[in-house]
């Protein structure tokens, strides 16, 4: 099955400091080898689905492997939307990288930010040190793609990491708290309006989860509020949701979302977002205090500094064997890699790059590692062949859609399949138990137990500055 999610977005590219570049060159000239042995040195950039699966294949082999990531954990991002909607705690969708690799004596980990890759010198520069390599696997993942619109980047919430999910959850819950004491009906409704831009799996799953949070949980937490003023609006520029699914499943998803109370706006493009107002391409507007961007991703910015011509979406073109033609010792996998294949759609067949989803990254990681070992031993490299196990997406409680092996399922059976696949895909026994218990609690109680607003509140979470002080009766239910 497709577990819908991109590989871990862990790295950014920045202009390389001249002193650091000089340090890198010095490493290269002197033959510096800051490694535990004289075995081949392999650097893996990214501890997401692709990077860790490549590392597992290389574990126990006669090589030294260094995994670099800016976080010390591997995130299971297909469930990140449940963190944002108070269904799961952040710790239950993440697992320490060192705990995953510690059984392999030849694999080590470094928490650092990769700022530049010198392909000619065979060096990786982090924010602290420059590291030589013999072989390199780039699995840096993806970043939000705002298509050059800085306004959208500045005024919308992303959902690419646990910090993003926690901030989104805190903001939504804080807005409901502020709505309790807000006297202006227009401001109160704006505080309780959530807009999600993008009708792909992330947008659909997030919209369904948020509307259930409002209708099943927040309606009881805030009896003093008119919950009918709360709105969850899903905006899609094209004429359909979930384009990767067959038409019958797309129609089922749309009907299910609308029956749950999600306002779905198709063929509606967003022009700007500012001052809590969404302006659409046709000039119409919608007041909303929370706007989430789920309309597209691109390759991680580290690709921009490689000196290779990138494809659409900032991805690195690779050979069928997943390495670079000009630098065959460098392999690129996951969201950041662009490898075209024949794609069959309702309109026919066409050439398109592989989707930016976890199963592709996992299989690419395994193939790249095997090909790397084959190159070391002067054996023939094999081309990447993706085995498609299907597509699935959940649309709220007891409902999902599933497309696998010409089998199309909707409703409860598809939802059970989604639960099993995601539960088994989690890393760590503790995480599986915690997630299962949270799901069981939510299912039987119609409640979400993780509604704390924790941590320092950034400016976006501060209550609006009052224009005037009004003396009135306290809201019903307030102490």
Foldseek 3Di string as FASTA:
>chain_A
DFLFDFWAQFAAADPDDPVQVVQLVVCLVVVDAPAPDPFAEEEEEGPTQQRVLLVVLCFPPRYAYEYEGQDQKYFQQSCLLCLLLLLAPQVLRIDGPCVSRVVGPRYYYDNFHFHAADLVSQWTDTPPHIHHGPFYEYANIWFFCPPPPVQCVVQAQERRGNVSSLLNLLQLLLLQVLLQPDPDPVSSLQSQEEEEEAQAQVLQQNLLSNLLCLPLAVCVVCVLDPSVSHAYEYEYLAAWHHQVDDPVQRVVSVVLSVVSHHHYHYNWAWDGDDPQWTAIPVGDIDGHLHYHYPHDIAAHNNLVNHPADADPRQADEPDLLQAHPVRRSYGYAARRYFDWDWDQHPVGIDIGGDDRTSQRSNQSSNLNSVQNVCVVVVHDRDGRDRDDQWDKHARYDQWIWTAGPNDTDIGNVSVVVVLVVSLVPRPDPVSSVSSVVSVVCCNVNVYRDRSDNDDDNPPSSDRDDDPDDDDDDRRPPDD
